[in-house]
């Protein structure tokens, strides 16, 4: 089971991300949605890819869905999600 935690600083996010990446590499988790590739979260200048980052994973054993969100200026969290995020299921701000 993945611990559901608050992420209070960038270091915590990187540690969580490295753990999730290892679990993806091992086959325990599958990356199902990402606002950026896992290997580009931190760029060559040691900066976040963007201020807000979201990755979603599915457990290959039990199908539980976990979301990992961080705002580089405010922190973030890991929590369970009801389903896999599909952007097309949500309206844009201008109603399209």
Protein backbone atom coordinates (compact mmCIF):
# COMPACT_ATOMS: atom_id res chain seq x y z
CA UNK A 1 0.00 0.00 0.00
CA UNK A 2 1.16 3.50 -0.87
CA UNK A 3 1.25 5.91 2.08
CA UNK A 4 -1.10 8.87 1.64
CA UNK A 5 1.01 11.83 2.72
CA UNK A 6 1.32 15.59 2.57
CA UNK A 7 4.33 16.84 0.62
CA UNK A 8 5.75 19.85 2.41
CA UNK A 9 8.84 20.68 0.35
CA UNK A 10 10.50 19.95 -3.00
CA UNK A 11 12.83 17.38 -1.42
CA UNK A 12 9.86 15.34 -0.20
CA UNK A 13 8.36 15.43 -3.68
CA UNK A 14 11.60 14.22 -5.27
CA UNK A 15 11.86 11.39 -2.74
CA UNK A 16 8.25 10.33 -3.44
CA UNK A 17 8.83 10.61 -7.18
CA UNK A 18 11.97 8.45 -7.01
CA UNK A 19 10.06 5.82 -5.01
CA UNK A 20 7.16 5.81 -7.49
CA UNK A 21 9.61 5.65 -10.43
CA UNK A 22 11.30 2.60 -8.89
CA UNK A 23 7.88 0.96 -8.45
CA UNK A 24 7.03 1.72 -12.11
CA UNK A 25 10.36 0.24 -13.22
CA UNK A 26 9.68 -2.88 -11.13
CA UNK A 27 6.17 -3.23 -12.57
CA UNK A 28 4.27 -2.62 -9.31
CA UNK A 29 2.82 0.67 -10.61
CA UNK A 30 1.78 1.92 -14.02
CA UNK A 31 1.96 5.63 -14.89
CA UNK A 32 -1.51 6.44 -16.27
CA UNK A 33 -1.47 10.26 -16.45
CA UNK A 34 1.24 12.89 -16.24
CA UNK A 35 1.53 16.61 -16.79
CA UNK A 36 5.19 15.98 -17.64
CA UNK A 37 7.37 12.90 -18.11
CA UNK A 38 8.81 11.47 -14.90
CA UNK A 39 12.37 11.99 -16.10
CA UNK A 40 11.87 15.72 -16.78
CA UNK A 41 10.30 16.84 -13.49
CA UNK A 42 13.61 18.51 -12.59
CA UNK A 43 15.52 20.18 -15.43
CA UNK A 44 19.27 20.58 -15.95
CA UNK A 45 19.26 23.76 -13.82
CA UNK A 46 17.66 21.87 -10.89
CA UNK A 47 14.30 23.61 -11.37
CA UNK A 48 10.82 22.11 -11.54
CA UNK A 49 9.45 21.49 -15.04
CA UNK A 50 6.52 23.76 -14.14
CA UNK A 51 5.06 25.16 -10.94
CA UNK A 52 2.20 22.62 -10.71
CA UNK A 53 2.87 18.97 -11.48
CA UNK A 54 0.49 15.99 -11.35
CA UNK A 55 1.24 12.32 -11.86
CA UNK A 56 -1.24 9.49 -11.50
CA UNK A 57 -0.38 5.84 -11.03
CA UNK A 58 -2.34 2.58 -11.01
CA UNK A 59 -1.29 -0.35 -8.83
CA UNK A 60 -0.81 -3.37 -11.10
CA UNK A 61 -1.80 -5.73 -8.28
CA UNK A 62 -5.01 -4.19 -6.91
CA UNK A 63 -5.86 -1.49 -9.52
CA UNK A 64 -5.93 1.28 -6.88
CA UNK A 65 -5.30 4.71 -8.43
CA UNK A 66 -2.95 7.16 -6.70
CA UNK A 67 -2.48 10.81 -7.54
CA UNK A 68 0.68 12.73 -6.67
CA UNK A 69 0.32 16.51 -6.94
CA UNK A 70 2.74 19.27 -6.07
CA UNK A 71 2.76 23.03 -6.36
CA UNK A 72 6.46 23.91 -6.20
CA UNK A 73 5.68 26.96 -4.07
CA UNK A 74 3.14 25.42 -1.69
CA UNK A 75 3.70 21.67 -1.40
CA UNK A 76 1.35 18.88 -2.34
CA UNK A 77 0.06 15.43 -1.49
CA UNK A 78 -0.34 11.81 -2.45
CA UNK A 79 -3.89 10.56 -2.26
CA UNK A 80 -6.13 7.86 -3.65
CA UNK A 81 -8.26 8.81 -6.64
CA UNK A 82 -11.65 7.40 -7.61
CA UNK A 83 -10.62 6.92 -11.22
CA UNK A 84 -7.96 7.67 -13.79
CA UNK A 85 -7.98 11.31 -14.89
CA UNK A 86 -9.13 11.82 -18.50
CA UNK A 87 -8.83 15.50 -19.53
CA UNK A 88 -11.44 15.15 -22.27
CA UNK A 89 -14.09 14.44 -19.61
CA UNK A 90 -13.79 18.01 -18.27
CA UNK A 91 -14.95 21.24 -19.88
CA UNK A 92 -12.43 23.96 -20.53
CA UNK A 93 -12.88 27.37 -18.90
CA UNK A 94 -14.50 28.81 -22.01
CA UNK A 95 -17.10 26.01 -22.13
CA UNK A 96 -15.72 24.07 -25.09
